[in-house]
Amino acid sequence: MRPTPKAGILEIAPYVPGRSKAQGVERPLKLSANENPFGCSEAARAAFLAAASDIHLYPDARTSSLRAAIAEKFDLEPERLVFGAGSDEIFSMAAQAYLGEGDNAVQPQYGFAAWAIAVQAAGAAIKSAPEPDFVVDIDGILAAVNERTRIVFIANPANPTGTWLPFSEIERLHAGLPKRVLLVLDGAYAECAFGIDGYSDGLTWSRDKENVLVTRTFSKAYGLASLRVGWAYGPGSVIAALDRIRLPFSVPRAGEAAAVAALGDDAFVAKSVGAFAEGRQQLDAACRALGARTLPSLANFVTARFADASAIDQALASRGILVRHLANYGMPDWLRISVGRPAETERAITVLADICR
């Protein structure tokens, strides 16, 4: 006899992160996890180091400083914010609060893997709506919704594809959903898409919506991936439910201090986003020149289809370059390549071209 997990837990496929090690290579070039290759704001780094003297203290359970900073910057009501260890914890909280046995959540076919884990851990089922040509199909999502659907997940721009929807499509999705269904808008890559005609992160729009939760993270454009700082904005009733089950100290004190400082450094974010766009164009052109099909990305990566993606992935790793093979997303012929610093991107292109020849 031994402890037995509840039904369904052992059927969950564990999350597989982008590789960080390559056999025989001491310091590989990691382009597998969509991290910010420029690091983080110097102001954020300084704030993190200054907070080291308080490492013996628990974090502020209300994340008060960051709550106030986000509310001011985005003109949001502070009481309608919730925080977690990255967006991932917020997805998990939403699933625990709104899903149970017999319920389901709907996502696009190539949805972010953490959503399914959160849903299944809550004892519910995940339904994947067909995603023709790797772009979210709103009609397909709506067709998958049934009387037991409680959550719909959408990332815009999306991961792992990088594709995006004009906000009019998000509005159409919301209009077609039953009011009992919580629409979770994952904006992990929102900063990369700001300024694009037709794009919106949905924050202002969601203010008067009773069933929309908009999530954001400091892991990508802000470069604070290791500090695990995520946040969400939603209606008071949803935030109150999440607050009842969130871990009280999931955002570390030093992480909060760094995030507040990062939020104030618009120049660093603008520089990063501009470099993402340039590197994305370089990678896209190089992959297409090698005969690969690429998806139109607005994130900090390019997703490309190669005849033998697995072999190319292994060959790149053997030469010290790590990318993401998307087999576990049901895309076995595809590689996702993060944008690096200009010299890193050039190196990756050169090695990739050599391997493909």
Protein backbone atom coordinates (compact mmCIF):
# COMPACT_ATOMS: atom_id res chain seq x y z
CA MET A 1 0.00 0.00 0.00
CA ARG A 2 1.16 3.54 -0.75
CA PRO A 3 -0.36 7.00 -1.25
CA THR A 4 -2.21 7.21 -4.56
CA PRO A 5 -2.70 10.46 -6.51
CA LYS A 6 -6.27 11.40 -7.33
CA ALA A 7 -7.68 10.22 -10.65
CA GLY A 8 -6.11 11.84 -13.69
CA ILE A 9 -2.94 13.22 -12.11
CA LEU A 10 -0.64 10.53 -13.49
CA GLU A 11 -2.16 11.03 -16.94
CA ILE A 12 -0.91 14.62 -17.11
CA ALA A 13 2.05 15.14 -19.41
CA PRO A 14 4.63 17.13 -17.39
CA TYR A 15 5.68 20.51 -18.73
CA VAL A 16 8.81 20.30 -20.87
CA PRO A 17 10.88 23.52 -20.78
CA GLY A 18 13.26 24.64 -23.49
CA ARG A 19 16.60 22.90 -23.19
CA SER A 20 19.39 24.71 -21.38
CA LYS A 21 22.17 22.12 -21.75
CA ALA A 22 23.88 20.45 -24.70
CA GLN A 23 26.06 17.40 -24.30
CA GLY A 24 29.73 18.26 -24.66
CA VAL A 25 29.10 22.02 -24.87
CA GLU A 26 29.99 24.07 -21.81
CA ARG A 27 28.06 27.26 -22.58
CA PRO A 28 25.53 26.68 -25.37
CA LEU A 29 23.62 29.51 -26.99
CA LYS A 30 20.12 29.15 -25.56
CA LEU A 31 17.44 30.17 -28.06
CA SER A 32 14.89 27.69 -26.75
CA ALA A 33 12.88 29.54 -24.11
CA ASN A 34 11.95 33.00 -25.53
CA GLU A 35 13.98 34.79 -22.86
CA ASN A 36 15.12 38.38 -23.24
CA PRO A 37 18.71 38.09 -24.56
CA PHE A 38 19.46 41.64 -23.39
CA GLY A 39 18.92 40.71 -19.75
CA CYS A 40 16.89 43.17 -17.71
CA SER A 41 16.80 46.88 -16.94
CA GLU A 42 19.79 48.08 -14.93
CA ALA A 43 17.30 49.75 -12.61
CA ALA A 44 15.63 46.39 -12.02
CA ARG A 45 18.97 44.72 -11.36
CA ALA A 46 19.89 47.41 -8.83
CA ALA A 47 16.53 47.09 -7.08
CA PHE A 48 16.95 43.32 -6.88
CA LEU A 49 20.41 43.64 -5.32
CA ALA A 50 19.24 46.28 -2.86
CA ALA A 51 16.49 43.93 -1.68
CA ALA A 52 19.06 41.28 -0.75
CA SER A 53 19.41 42.80 2.72
CA ASP A 54 15.80 41.79 3.41
CA ILE A 55 16.15 38.19 2.29
CA HIS A 56 15.20 36.95 5.78
CA LEU A 57 11.79 38.64 5.59
CA TYR A 58 8.63 37.25 4.06
CA PRO A 59 7.34 39.05 0.95
CA ASP A 60 4.42 41.45 1.17
CA ALA A 61 1.42 39.14 0.81
CA ARG A 62 -0.53 41.85 -1.03
CA THR A 63 2.32 42.79 -3.39
CA SER A 64 1.43 46.36 -2.49
CA SER A 65 4.24 48.28 -4.21
CA LEU A 66 3.88 46.49 -7.52
CA ARG A 67 0.09 46.63 -7.26
CA ALA A 68 0.22 50.41 -6.97
CA ALA A 69 2.79 50.76 -9.78
CA ILE A 70 0.80 48.64 -12.24
CA ALA A 71 -2.47 50.36 -11.36
CA GLU A 72 -0.91 53.77 -12.03
CA LYS A 73 0.90 52.81 -15.24
CA PHE A 74 -2.07 51.09 -16.88
CA ASP A 75 -4.85 53.12 -15.22
CA LEU A 76 -6.36 50.10 -13.48
CA GLU A 77 -8.17 49.64 -10.18
CA PRO A 78 -5.57 48.17 -7.77
CA GLU A 79 -8.12 45.98 -5.99
CA ARG A 80 -8.82 44.20 -9.30
CA LEU A 81 -5.25 42.90 -9.63
CA VAL A 82 -3.92 39.51 -8.56
CA PHE A 83 -0.31 38.30 -8.57
CA GLY A 84 1.43 34.97 -8.90
CA ALA A 85 4.66 33.15 -9.65
CA GLY A 86 4.51 34.01 -13.33
CA SER A 87 1.33 33.75 -15.39
CA ASP A 88 1.48 29.98 -14.87
CA GLU A 89 0.35 30.21 -11.26
CA ILE A 90 -2.55 32.46 -12.24
CA PHE A 91 -3.70 29.91 -14.85
CA SER A 92 -3.59 27.28 -12.13
CA MET A 93 -5.57 29.45 -9.71
CA ALA A 94 -8.24 30.10 -12.34
CA ALA A 95 -8.54 26.38 -13.05
CA GLN A 96 -8.77 25.48 -9.36
CA ALA A 97 -11.37 28.17 -8.73
CA TYR A 98 -13.66 27.51 -11.70
CA LEU A 99 -13.19 23.90 -12.81
CA GLY A 100 -14.19 20.59 -11.29
CA GLU A 101 -14.89 17.02 -12.27
CA GLY A 102 -17.03 16.89 -15.41
CA ASP A 103 -16.18 20.45 -16.45
CA ASN A 104 -13.94 21.39 -19.35
CA ALA A 105 -11.82 24.26 -20.64
CA VAL A 106 -11.31 25.08 -24.31
CA GLN A 107 -8.05 26.14 -25.92
CA PRO A 108 -6.71 26.40 -29.49
CA GLN A 109 -5.11 23.26 -30.92
CA TYR A 110 -1.60 24.60 -30.33
CA GLY A 111 -2.27 26.12 -26.92
CA PHE A 112 0.39 26.86 -24.31
CA ALA A 113 1.16 23.62 -22.46
CA ALA A 114 0.70 25.07 -18.97
CA TRP A 115 -3.02 25.57 -19.58
CA ALA A 116 -3.73 21.86 -20.03
CA ILE A 117 -1.70 21.00 -16.94
CA ALA A 118 -3.68 23.47 -14.83
CA VAL A 119 -7.00 22.20 -16.17
CA GLN A 120 -6.24 18.50 -15.69
CA ALA A 121 -4.81 19.10 -12.22
CA ALA A 122 -8.19 20.61 -11.30
CA GLY A 123 -9.88 17.36 -12.35
CA ALA A 124 -11.40 18.79 -15.54
CA ALA A 125 -10.89 18.04 -19.23
CA ILE A 126 -9.07 20.15 -21.79
CA LYS A 127 -10.65 20.50 -25.25
CA SER A 128 -8.52 21.67 -28.17
CA ALA A 129 -10.28 23.41 -31.03
CA PRO A 130 -8.79 22.98 -34.53
CA GLU A 131 -6.39 25.75 -35.46
CA PRO A 132 -6.33 25.88 -39.28
CA ASP A 133 -3.04 27.13 -40.64
CA PHE A 134 -1.77 27.68 -37.07
CA VAL A 135 -3.93 30.74 -36.39
CA VAL A 136 -6.63 30.67 -33.70
CA ASP A 137 -10.04 30.08 -35.29
CA ILE A 138 -12.74 31.85 -33.29
CA ASP A 139 -15.56 29.86 -34.88
CA GLY A 140 -13.75 26.65 -33.97
CA ILE A 141 -13.35 27.79 -30.35
CA LEU A 142 -17.04 28.69 -30.09
CA ALA A 143 -18.07 25.37 -31.64
CA ALA A 144 -16.05 23.50 -28.98
CA VAL A 145 -17.81 25.25 -26.09
CA ASN A 146 -20.59 23.20 -24.49
CA GLU A 147 -22.72 23.28 -21.37
CA ARG A 148 -19.80 22.11 -19.18
CA THR A 149 -17.25 24.61 -20.47
CA ARG A 150 -16.13 26.99 -17.73
CA ILE A 151 -12.92 28.57 -19.15
CA VAL A 152 -11.59 29.51 -22.59
CA PHE A 153 -7.86 30.21 -22.91
CA ILE A 154 -6.43 32.43 -25.67
CA ALA A 155 -2.88 33.83 -26.00
CA ASN A 156 -2.42 36.82 -28.27
CA PRO A 157 0.25 36.72 -29.68
CA ALA A 158 0.32 32.95 -29.30
CA ASN A 159 2.97 30.54 -28.09
CA PRO A 160 4.38 28.37 -29.68
CA THR A 161 3.22 29.71 -33.06
CA GLY A 162 3.75 33.46 -32.64
CA THR A 163 0.62 34.18 -34.69
CA TRP A 164 -1.92 36.76 -33.56
CA LEU A 165 -5.48 37.93 -33.93
CA PRO A 166 -6.83 41.44 -34.50
CA PHE A 167 -8.71 42.46 -31.37
CA SER A 168 -11.99 42.52 -33.26
CA GLU A 169 -11.75 38.70 -33.26
CA ILE A 170 -11.29 38.63 -29.48
CA GLU A 171 -14.38 40.81 -29.16
CA ARG A 172 -16.28 38.42 -31.41
CA LEU A 173 -15.20 35.49 -29.29
CA HIS A 174 -16.34 37.18 -26.10
CA ALA A 175 -19.69 38.11 -27.62
CA GLY A 176 -20.30 34.49 -28.56
CA LEU A 177 -19.42 32.98 -25.18
CA PRO A 178 -21.98 32.21 -22.49
CA LYS A 179 -21.59 34.68 -19.62
CA ARG A 180 -20.74 31.81 -17.26
CA VAL A 181 -17.51 31.09 -19.21
CA LEU A 182 -14.34 32.85 -18.05
CA LEU A 183 -12.27 34.14 -20.96
CA VAL A 184 -8.56 34.15 -20.04
CA LEU A 185 -6.48 36.40 -22.31
CA ASP A 186 -2.80 35.49 -21.97
CA GLY A 187 -0.71 38.54 -22.86
CA ALA A 188 2.77 37.17 -22.21
CA TYR A 189 3.99 38.66 -25.50
CA ALA A 190 1.76 41.74 -25.55
CA GLU A 191 4.66 44.19 -25.40
CA CYS A 192 5.99 42.74 -28.67
CA ALA A 193 2.72 43.59 -30.46
CA PHE A 194 2.00 47.08 -29.17
CA GLY A 195 1.72 49.57 -32.00
CA ILE A 196 0.53 46.98 -34.53
CA ASP A 197 -2.65 48.13 -36.24
CA GLY A 198 -5.64 46.20 -34.93
CA TYR A 199 -3.86 44.81 -31.85
CA SER A 200 -4.90 45.39 -28.23
CA ASP A 201 -3.98 43.65 -24.99
CA GLY A 202 -7.59 43.98 -23.83
CA LEU A 203 -6.94 45.68 -20.49
CA THR A 204 -9.04 48.79 -21.06
CA TRP A 205 -11.70 46.86 -22.97
CA SER A 206 -12.11 44.33 -20.16
CA ARG A 207 -12.89 46.94 -17.50
CA ASP A 208 -16.68 46.47 -17.74
CA LYS A 209 -16.60 42.73 -18.50
CA GLU A 210 -17.69 40.29 -15.79
CA ASN A 211 -16.03 37.21 -17.32
CA VAL A 212 -12.62 38.30 -18.65
CA LEU A 213 -9.25 37.79 -16.96
CA VAL A 214 -6.24 39.42 -18.66
CA THR A 215 -2.85 38.00 -17.65
CA ARG A 216 0.60 39.53 -18.09
CA THR A 217 4.14 38.62 -17.10
CA PHE A 218 7.52 40.21 -16.39
CA SER A 219 9.34 37.19 -17.86
CA LYS A 220 9.60 38.25 -21.51
CA ALA A 221 10.06 41.90 -22.54
CA TYR A 222 11.05 42.93 -19.00
CA GLY A 223 13.67 40.16 -18.73
CA LEU A 224 12.79 38.93 -15.23
CA ALA A 225 12.11 35.28 -16.08
CA SER A 226 13.92 33.78 -13.09
CA LEU A 227 12.05 35.98 -10.61
CA ARG A 228 8.62 34.58 -11.58
CA VAL A 229 6.40 37.66 -11.43
CA GLY A 230 3.02 37.52 -13.15
CA TRP A 231 -0.18 39.50 -12.71
CA ALA A 232 -3.76 39.62 -13.90
CA TYR A 233 -6.61 42.10 -14.10
CA GLY A 234 -10.19 40.98 -13.83
CA PRO A 235 -13.64 41.69 -12.38
CA GLY A 236 -13.88 41.95 -8.61
CA SER A 237 -15.75 38.65 -8.27
CA VAL A 238 -13.07 36.72 -10.14
CA ILE A 239 -10.19 38.37 -8.28
CA ALA A 240 -11.90 37.65 -4.96
CA ALA A 241 -12.16 33.96 -5.86
CA LEU A 242 -8.50 33.74 -6.90
CA ASP A 243 -7.37 35.59 -3.78
CA ARG A 244 -8.92 32.89 -1.62
CA ILE A 245 -6.69 30.15 -3.02
CA ARG A 246 -3.50 31.93 -4.09
CA LEU A 247 -0.31 31.19 -2.22
CA PRO A 248 0.32 34.11 0.17
CA PHE A 249 3.99 34.67 -0.66
CA SER A 250 4.47 33.51 -4.26
CA VAL A 251 6.02 36.79 -5.50
CA PRO A 252 9.38 37.19 -3.72
CA ARG A 253 10.30 40.48 -2.10
CA ALA A 254 13.29 41.01 -4.41
CA GLY A 255 11.17 40.05 -7.42
CA GLU A 256 8.57 42.67 -6.54
CA ALA A 257 11.25 45.34 -6.13
CA ALA A 258 12.82 44.45 -9.49
CA ALA A 259 9.43 44.44 -11.23
CA VAL A 260 8.54 47.91 -9.90
CA ALA A 261 11.85 49.26 -11.21
CA ALA A 262 11.48 47.43 -14.54
CA LEU A 263 8.01 48.88 -14.99
CA GLY A 264 9.49 52.36 -14.86
CA ASP A 265 12.18 51.74 -17.49
CA ASP A 266 10.26 52.23 -20.73
CA ALA A 267 13.48 52.76 -22.68
CA PHE A 268 14.74 49.25 -21.92
CA VAL A 269 11.44 47.65 -22.98
CA ALA A 270 11.31 49.72 -26.17
CA LYS A 271 14.90 48.78 -27.03
CA SER A 272 14.19 45.09 -26.41
CA VAL A 273 10.99 45.06 -28.45
CA GLY A 274 12.69 46.85 -31.34
CA ALA A 275 15.51 44.32 -31.30
CA PHE A 276 13.02 41.46 -31.17
CA ALA A 277 11.38 42.76 -34.35
CA GLU A 278 14.70 43.12 -36.19
CA GLY A 279 15.93 39.70 -35.12
CA ARG A 280 12.60 38.12 -35.97
CA GLN A 281 12.79 39.50 -39.50
CA GLN A 282 16.35 38.18 -39.90
CA LEU A 283 15.42 34.71 -38.68
CA ASP A 284 12.28 34.61 -40.78
CA ALA A 285 14.12 35.59 -43.98
CA ALA A 286 16.96 33.15 -43.30
CA CYS A 287 14.62 30.22 -42.66
CA ARG A 288 12.60 30.94 -45.78
CA ALA A 289 15.81 31.18 -47.82
CA LEU A 290 16.59 27.64 -46.66
CA GLY A 291 13.23 26.41 -47.95
CA ALA A 292 11.43 26.39 -44.60
CA ARG A 293 7.91 27.64 -44.09
CA THR A 294 7.63 30.26 -41.34
CA LEU A 295 4.62 31.49 -39.40
CA PRO A 296 3.92 35.25 -39.21
CA SER A 297 5.08 35.99 -35.67
CA LEU A 298 4.59 39.02 -33.45
CA ALA A 299 6.46 37.50 -30.51
CA ASN A 300 10.22 37.31 -29.79
CA PHE A 301 10.69 34.11 -31.79
CA VAL A 302 10.16 32.55 -35.19
CA THR A 303 8.46 29.19 -35.74
CA ALA A 304 9.66 27.40 -38.88
CA ARG A 305 8.88 24.09 -40.58
CA PHE A 306 11.78 21.95 -41.80
CA ALA A 307 11.76 18.61 -43.62
CA ASP A 308 13.67 16.95 -40.77
CA ALA A 309 13.19 19.21 -37.77
CA SER A 310 14.32 16.61 -35.24
CA ALA A 311 17.64 16.00 -36.98
CA ILE A 312 18.26 19.72 -37.39
CA ASP A 313 17.45 20.30 -33.72
CA GLN A 314 19.99 17.66 -32.70
CA ALA A 315 22.62 18.97 -35.11
CA LEU A 316 22.21 22.51 -33.81
CA ALA A 317 22.57 21.28 -30.22
CA SER A 318 25.74 19.38 -31.08
CA ARG A 319 27.17 22.68 -32.27
CA GLY A 320 26.11 24.57 -29.18
CA ILE A 321 22.84 26.15 -30.31
CA LEU A 322 19.62 25.22 -28.50
CA VAL A 323 16.23 25.79 -30.13
CA ARG A 324 12.81 24.33 -29.33
CA HIS A 325 11.62 21.27 -31.24
CA LEU A 326 7.82 21.41 -31.05
CA ALA A 327 7.01 17.69 -31.19
CA ASN A 328 5.34 17.83 -27.75
CA TYR A 329 2.97 20.48 -29.13
CA GLY A 330 1.87 18.19 -31.95
CA MET A 331 4.13 20.03 -34.40
CA PRO A 332 6.91 17.46 -35.07
CA ASP A 333 8.17 19.20 -38.22
CA TRP A 334 8.58 22.58 -36.56
CA LEU A 335 11.32 24.43 -34.67
CA ARG A 336 10.80 27.53 -32.55
CA ILE A 337 13.86 29.79 -32.54
CA SER A 338 14.09 32.64 -30.05
CA VAL A 339 15.62 35.96 -31.04
CA GLY A 340 19.08 36.47 -29.54
CA ARG A 341 21.43 39.40 -29.49
CA PRO A 342 22.36 40.45 -33.05
CA ALA A 343 25.62 38.46 -33.04
CA GLU A 344 23.86 35.44 -31.54
CA THR A 345 21.11 35.53 -34.15
CA GLU A 346 23.73 35.78 -36.91
CA ARG A 347 25.59 32.81 -35.45
CA ALA A 348 22.42 30.74 -35.29
CA ILE A 349 21.59 31.60 -38.92
CA THR A 350 25.08 30.69 -40.10
CA VAL A 351 25.11 27.33 -38.32
CA LEU A 352 21.54 26.53 -39.39
CA ALA A 353 22.41 27.25 -43.03
CA ASP A 354 25.50 25.06 -42.80
CA ILE A 355 23.49 22.16 -41.35
CA CYS A 356 20.74 22.48 -43.96
CA ARG A 357 23.29 22.37 -46.79
